[in-house]
N, C-alpha and C. Protein backbone atom coordinates (compact mmCIF):
# COMPACT_ATOMS: atom_id res chain seq x y z
N MET A 1 -3.70 6.91 -16.35
CA MET A 1 -4.34 8.20 -16.38
C MET A 1 -3.97 8.91 -15.09
N ARG A 2 -3.59 10.16 -15.19
CA ARG A 2 -3.18 10.93 -14.01
C ARG A 2 -3.97 12.22 -13.96
N SER A 3 -4.38 12.62 -12.76
CA SER A 3 -5.15 13.87 -12.64
C SER A 3 -4.61 14.70 -11.49
N ARG A 4 -4.79 16.01 -11.63
CA ARG A 4 -4.42 16.93 -10.55
C ARG A 4 -5.19 18.23 -10.74
N SER A 5 -5.73 18.74 -9.66
CA SER A 5 -6.37 20.04 -9.68
C SER A 5 -5.88 20.79 -8.45
N PRO A 6 -5.95 22.12 -8.45
CA PRO A 6 -5.43 22.89 -7.31
C PRO A 6 -6.06 22.52 -5.98
N SER A 7 -7.33 22.10 -5.99
CA SER A 7 -8.00 21.81 -4.73
C SER A 7 -7.94 20.34 -4.34
N ARG A 8 -7.34 19.51 -5.16
CA ARG A 8 -7.29 18.08 -4.87
C ARG A 8 -5.88 17.55 -4.98
N LYS A 9 -5.67 16.39 -4.39
CA LYS A 9 -4.37 15.72 -4.47
C LYS A 9 -4.24 15.03 -5.82
N SER A 10 -2.99 14.77 -6.22
CA SER A 10 -2.74 14.03 -7.45
C SER A 10 -3.18 12.59 -7.29
N THR A 11 -3.63 12.02 -8.38
CA THR A 11 -4.08 10.63 -8.38
C THR A 11 -3.64 9.97 -9.67
N ASP A 12 -3.25 8.72 -9.57
CA ASP A 12 -2.93 7.93 -10.74
C ASP A 12 -3.90 6.76 -10.74
N CYS A 13 -4.45 6.42 -11.89
CA CYS A 13 -5.45 5.35 -11.96
C CYS A 13 -5.07 4.32 -13.01
N TYR A 14 -5.41 3.08 -12.73
CA TYR A 14 -5.27 1.99 -13.69
C TYR A 14 -6.68 1.58 -14.09
N THR A 15 -6.90 1.43 -15.38
CA THR A 15 -8.16 0.87 -15.86
C THR A 15 -7.81 -0.39 -16.65
N PRO A 16 -8.61 -1.44 -16.52
CA PRO A 16 -8.28 -2.70 -17.18
C PRO A 16 -8.44 -2.60 -18.70
N LEU A 17 -7.78 -3.51 -19.40
CA LEU A 17 -7.93 -3.58 -20.85
C LEU A 17 -9.41 -3.75 -21.17
N GLY A 18 -9.89 -3.07 -22.19
CA GLY A 18 -11.30 -3.17 -22.55
C GLY A 18 -12.21 -2.35 -21.65
N TYR A 19 -11.64 -1.44 -20.87
CA TYR A 19 -12.43 -0.61 -19.96
C TYR A 19 -13.57 0.08 -20.71
N SER A 20 -14.73 0.10 -20.09
CA SER A 20 -15.90 0.79 -20.65
C SER A 20 -16.50 1.68 -19.57
N ALA A 21 -16.72 2.94 -19.89
CA ALA A 21 -17.32 3.87 -18.94
C ALA A 21 -18.77 3.48 -18.62
N GLU A 22 -19.35 2.64 -19.45
CA GLU A 22 -20.74 2.20 -19.25
C GLU A 22 -20.85 1.08 -18.23
N LYS A 23 -19.74 0.45 -17.91
CA LYS A 23 -19.74 -0.71 -17.02
C LYS A 23 -19.31 -0.29 -15.61
N LYS A 24 -19.84 -0.96 -14.58
CA LYS A 24 -19.41 -0.71 -13.20
C LYS A 24 -18.29 -1.68 -12.85
N TYR A 25 -17.26 -1.17 -12.15
CA TYR A 25 -16.11 -1.97 -11.76
C TYR A 25 -15.87 -1.83 -10.27
N PRO A 26 -15.32 -2.88 -9.64
CA PRO A 26 -14.85 -2.69 -8.27
C PRO A 26 -13.66 -1.74 -8.29
N VAL A 27 -13.39 -1.09 -7.16
CA VAL A 27 -12.27 -0.15 -7.07
C VAL A 27 -11.34 -0.58 -5.94
N LEU A 28 -10.05 -0.63 -6.24
CA LEU A 28 -9.01 -0.93 -5.25
C LEU A 28 -8.18 0.33 -5.06
N TYR A 29 -8.01 0.75 -3.80
CA TYR A 29 -7.18 1.92 -3.50
C TYR A 29 -5.84 1.44 -2.97
N LEU A 30 -4.75 1.77 -3.67
CA LEU A 30 -3.41 1.43 -3.21
C LEU A 30 -2.81 2.68 -2.57
N LEU A 31 -2.44 2.58 -1.31
CA LEU A 31 -1.88 3.72 -0.59
C LEU A 31 -0.37 3.56 -0.46
N HIS A 32 0.34 4.65 -0.62
CA HIS A 32 1.80 4.63 -0.51
C HIS A 32 2.22 4.76 0.95
N GLY A 33 3.50 4.56 1.19
CA GLY A 33 4.05 4.71 2.53
C GLY A 33 4.49 6.14 2.78
N ILE A 34 5.03 6.37 3.97
CA ILE A 34 5.47 7.70 4.36
C ILE A 34 6.56 8.20 3.40
N GLY A 35 6.43 9.43 2.97
CA GLY A 35 7.39 10.03 2.05
C GLY A 35 7.08 9.76 0.59
N GLY A 36 6.13 8.88 0.31
CA GLY A 36 5.80 8.54 -1.07
C GLY A 36 4.72 9.45 -1.64
N ASP A 37 4.30 9.14 -2.85
CA ASP A 37 3.20 9.86 -3.48
C ASP A 37 2.49 8.91 -4.44
N GLU A 38 1.64 9.47 -5.30
CA GLU A 38 0.84 8.63 -6.19
C GLU A 38 1.66 7.87 -7.22
N THR A 39 2.92 8.22 -7.40
CA THR A 39 3.77 7.52 -8.39
C THR A 39 4.50 6.32 -7.80
N GLU A 40 4.46 6.18 -6.49
CA GLU A 40 5.23 5.14 -5.79
C GLU A 40 4.95 3.73 -6.30
N TRP A 41 3.68 3.38 -6.43
CA TRP A 41 3.33 2.02 -6.85
C TRP A 41 3.83 1.73 -8.25
N LYS A 42 3.66 2.66 -9.18
CA LYS A 42 4.10 2.40 -10.55
C LYS A 42 5.62 2.35 -10.66
N ARG A 43 6.31 3.12 -9.84
CA ARG A 43 7.77 3.12 -9.90
C ARG A 43 8.37 1.85 -9.33
N PHE A 44 7.74 1.25 -8.33
CA PHE A 44 8.36 0.13 -7.65
C PHE A 44 7.63 -1.21 -7.77
N ALA A 45 6.38 -1.23 -8.18
CA ALA A 45 5.65 -2.51 -8.17
C ALA A 45 4.97 -2.86 -9.49
N GLN A 46 4.87 -1.94 -10.43
CA GLN A 46 4.22 -2.17 -11.71
C GLN A 46 2.82 -2.79 -11.57
N PRO A 47 1.92 -2.13 -10.85
CA PRO A 47 0.59 -2.72 -10.61
C PRO A 47 -0.20 -2.97 -11.89
N GLN A 48 0.02 -2.15 -12.93
CA GLN A 48 -0.72 -2.37 -14.16
C GLN A 48 -0.36 -3.72 -14.79
N ALA A 49 0.92 -4.07 -14.84
CA ALA A 49 1.34 -5.36 -15.40
C ALA A 49 0.89 -6.51 -14.50
N LEU A 50 1.03 -6.33 -13.20
CA LEU A 50 0.60 -7.37 -12.26
C LEU A 50 -0.89 -7.64 -12.40
N HIS A 51 -1.68 -6.57 -12.44
CA HIS A 51 -3.13 -6.75 -12.50
C HIS A 51 -3.56 -7.33 -13.86
N ASP A 52 -2.95 -6.86 -14.94
CA ASP A 52 -3.27 -7.43 -16.26
C ASP A 52 -3.02 -8.94 -16.27
N ASN A 53 -1.90 -9.36 -15.67
CA ASN A 53 -1.57 -10.79 -15.61
C ASN A 53 -2.56 -11.55 -14.73
N LEU A 54 -2.96 -10.97 -13.60
CA LEU A 54 -3.93 -11.63 -12.71
C LEU A 54 -5.29 -11.79 -13.40
N ILE A 55 -5.68 -10.80 -14.17
CA ILE A 55 -6.94 -10.89 -14.91
C ILE A 55 -6.82 -11.97 -15.99
N ALA A 56 -5.69 -11.97 -16.72
CA ALA A 56 -5.49 -12.93 -17.80
C ALA A 56 -5.52 -14.37 -17.32
N ASP A 57 -4.96 -14.63 -16.12
CA ASP A 57 -4.95 -16.03 -15.64
C ASP A 57 -6.18 -16.36 -14.78
N GLY A 58 -7.13 -15.43 -14.68
CA GLY A 58 -8.37 -15.70 -13.97
C GLY A 58 -8.30 -15.56 -12.47
N THR A 59 -7.19 -15.08 -11.94
CA THR A 59 -7.01 -14.90 -10.50
C THR A 59 -7.77 -13.68 -9.98
N SER A 60 -7.95 -12.69 -10.84
CA SER A 60 -8.62 -11.45 -10.43
C SER A 60 -9.66 -11.07 -11.48
N THR A 61 -10.55 -10.18 -11.09
CA THR A 61 -11.53 -9.65 -12.04
C THR A 61 -11.11 -8.24 -12.43
N PRO A 62 -11.55 -7.77 -13.59
CA PRO A 62 -11.21 -6.40 -13.98
C PRO A 62 -11.71 -5.40 -12.93
N MET A 63 -10.86 -4.46 -12.59
CA MET A 63 -11.22 -3.43 -11.61
C MET A 63 -10.43 -2.17 -11.89
N ILE A 64 -10.86 -1.09 -11.28
CA ILE A 64 -10.14 0.17 -11.35
C ILE A 64 -9.23 0.22 -10.14
N VAL A 65 -7.97 0.60 -10.35
CA VAL A 65 -7.02 0.73 -9.25
C VAL A 65 -6.64 2.20 -9.13
N VAL A 66 -6.87 2.77 -7.96
CA VAL A 66 -6.59 4.18 -7.71
C VAL A 66 -5.37 4.29 -6.81
N MET A 67 -4.37 5.04 -7.26
CA MET A 67 -3.16 5.28 -6.48
C MET A 67 -3.13 6.78 -6.17
N ALA A 68 -3.56 7.13 -4.97
CA ALA A 68 -3.73 8.54 -4.60
C ALA A 68 -2.51 9.07 -3.85
N ASN A 69 -2.35 10.37 -3.89
CA ASN A 69 -1.32 11.04 -3.11
C ASN A 69 -1.91 11.28 -1.72
N GLY A 70 -1.37 10.59 -0.72
CA GLY A 70 -1.90 10.72 0.63
C GLY A 70 -1.05 11.60 1.54
N ARG A 71 -0.20 12.42 0.96
CA ARG A 71 0.65 13.28 1.80
C ARG A 71 -0.20 14.28 2.57
N ALA A 72 0.26 14.57 3.78
CA ALA A 72 -0.49 15.49 4.64
C ALA A 72 0.21 16.84 4.81
N GLN A 73 1.40 17.01 4.23
CA GLN A 73 2.10 18.29 4.38
C GLN A 73 1.37 19.38 3.60
N LYS A 74 1.39 20.59 4.14
CA LYS A 74 0.70 21.71 3.50
C LYS A 74 1.21 21.98 2.09
N ASN A 75 2.53 21.85 1.88
CA ASN A 75 3.09 22.14 0.56
C ASN A 75 3.17 20.89 -0.32
N ASP A 76 2.64 19.77 0.16
CA ASP A 76 2.60 18.51 -0.59
C ASP A 76 3.99 18.00 -0.96
N GLN A 77 4.98 18.30 -0.16
CA GLN A 77 6.34 17.83 -0.42
C GLN A 77 6.84 16.99 0.74
N ALA A 78 7.58 15.94 0.43
CA ALA A 78 8.20 15.12 1.47
C ALA A 78 9.59 15.69 1.71
N GLU A 79 9.66 16.79 2.47
CA GLU A 79 10.93 17.48 2.69
C GLU A 79 11.50 17.16 4.06
N GLY A 80 12.82 17.24 4.16
CA GLY A 80 13.49 17.02 5.44
C GLY A 80 13.29 15.61 5.94
N ASN A 81 13.32 15.45 7.24
CA ASN A 81 13.15 14.13 7.85
C ASN A 81 11.66 13.89 8.07
N VAL A 82 11.03 13.21 7.13
CA VAL A 82 9.58 13.00 7.21
C VAL A 82 9.20 12.10 8.38
N PHE A 83 10.16 11.38 8.93
CA PHE A 83 9.88 10.49 10.05
C PHE A 83 9.87 11.23 11.39
N SER A 84 10.43 12.43 11.44
CA SER A 84 10.57 13.14 12.72
C SER A 84 9.24 13.55 13.34
N HIS A 85 8.21 13.73 12.53
CA HIS A 85 6.91 14.14 13.06
C HIS A 85 5.88 13.02 13.00
N ALA A 86 6.35 11.80 12.80
CA ALA A 86 5.44 10.65 12.71
C ALA A 86 5.62 9.79 13.95
N PRO A 87 4.68 9.86 14.90
CA PRO A 87 4.82 9.09 16.14
C PRO A 87 5.01 7.59 15.91
N ALA A 88 4.52 7.08 14.80
CA ALA A 88 4.67 5.65 14.52
C ALA A 88 6.13 5.26 14.36
N PHE A 89 7.00 6.23 14.09
CA PHE A 89 8.41 5.93 13.90
C PHE A 89 9.26 6.33 15.10
N ALA A 90 8.62 6.54 16.23
CA ALA A 90 9.35 6.88 17.46
C ALA A 90 10.15 5.66 17.92
N LYS A 91 11.08 5.90 18.82
CA LYS A 91 11.87 4.79 19.36
C LYS A 91 11.00 4.01 20.34
N PHE A 92 10.95 2.71 20.14
CA PHE A 92 10.16 1.85 21.02
C PHE A 92 11.08 1.10 21.97
N GLU A 93 10.59 0.87 23.16
CA GLU A 93 11.34 0.05 24.11
C GLU A 93 10.87 -1.38 23.96
N ARG A 94 11.80 -2.31 24.07
CA ARG A 94 11.45 -3.72 23.96
C ARG A 94 10.82 -4.19 25.26
N ALA A 95 9.70 -4.88 25.15
CA ALA A 95 9.03 -5.43 26.33
C ALA A 95 9.84 -6.60 26.86
N PRO A 96 9.81 -6.82 28.17
CA PRO A 96 10.53 -7.97 28.72
C PRO A 96 9.96 -9.27 28.15
N GLU A 97 10.80 -10.28 28.06
CA GLU A 97 10.41 -11.58 27.49
C GLU A 97 9.11 -12.10 28.10
N SER A 98 8.95 -11.91 29.41
CA SER A 98 7.76 -12.44 30.09
C SER A 98 6.46 -11.76 29.63
N ALA A 99 6.57 -10.57 29.05
CA ALA A 99 5.38 -9.84 28.60
C ALA A 99 5.05 -10.09 27.13
N GLN A 100 5.93 -10.78 26.43
CA GLN A 100 5.71 -11.03 25.01
C GLN A 100 4.75 -12.19 24.81
N THR A 101 3.88 -12.07 23.84
CA THR A 101 2.85 -13.07 23.60
C THR A 101 3.41 -14.45 23.30
N ALA A 102 4.33 -14.53 22.35
CA ALA A 102 4.82 -15.84 21.94
C ALA A 102 6.22 -16.14 22.47
N GLY A 103 6.78 -15.27 23.27
CA GLY A 103 8.09 -15.53 23.84
C GLY A 103 9.21 -15.48 22.82
N SER A 104 10.16 -16.36 22.97
CA SER A 104 11.36 -16.35 22.14
C SER A 104 11.08 -16.79 20.71
N ALA A 105 12.04 -16.54 19.83
CA ALA A 105 11.91 -16.96 18.44
C ALA A 105 11.76 -18.47 18.36
N LYS A 106 12.49 -19.19 19.20
CA LYS A 106 12.41 -20.66 19.19
C LYS A 106 10.98 -21.09 19.54
N ARG A 107 10.40 -20.44 20.53
CA ARG A 107 9.04 -20.79 20.94
C ARG A 107 8.03 -20.43 19.84
N ARG A 108 8.22 -19.26 19.20
CA ARG A 108 7.31 -18.87 18.12
C ARG A 108 7.35 -19.88 16.99
N CYS A 109 8.54 -20.34 16.64
CA CYS A 109 8.68 -21.33 15.56
C CYS A 109 8.00 -22.63 15.95
N SER A 110 8.15 -23.02 17.21
CA SER A 110 7.54 -24.27 17.63
C SER A 110 6.02 -24.14 17.65
N LEU A 111 5.49 -22.96 17.98
CA LEU A 111 4.04 -22.75 17.93
C LEU A 111 3.53 -22.87 16.50
N ALA A 112 4.27 -22.30 15.56
CA ALA A 112 3.87 -22.37 14.15
C ALA A 112 3.88 -23.82 13.67
N ALA A 113 4.89 -24.58 14.07
CA ALA A 113 4.98 -25.99 13.67
C ALA A 113 3.84 -26.79 14.29
N ASP A 114 3.51 -26.51 15.55
CA ASP A 114 2.42 -27.22 16.23
C ASP A 114 1.08 -26.94 15.54
N ALA A 115 0.90 -25.73 15.06
CA ALA A 115 -0.37 -25.35 14.42
C ALA A 115 -0.59 -26.11 13.12
N ARG A 116 0.50 -26.53 12.48
CA ARG A 116 0.37 -27.25 11.20
C ARG A 116 0.05 -28.72 11.39
N ARG A 117 0.18 -29.23 12.61
CA ARG A 117 -0.04 -30.67 12.84
C ARG A 117 -1.49 -31.01 12.91
């Protein structure tokens, strides 16, 4: 089910098989990444099939899944270089080895192995 109104963002929703408006369901909100929209999850991950299978094998309970359009641009379009105005995608400098929490890759792997013992 998909909805859109002039004052709201587009939203795509999944409802489980046997959905009843009389019943209360938990709600899961799936958010897309930068440049995406409410169609991102269905185009790349097939959440409806995944969730139906999880319910069928008892791994999950029936729930409503909401995939909202989280774009912040005024015209609601991912135009140009969407990363240019996102500080999270700025160039980062690498911290010196001495300032890193787990040090080298070899040390990180050895820490993970030690934790399993």
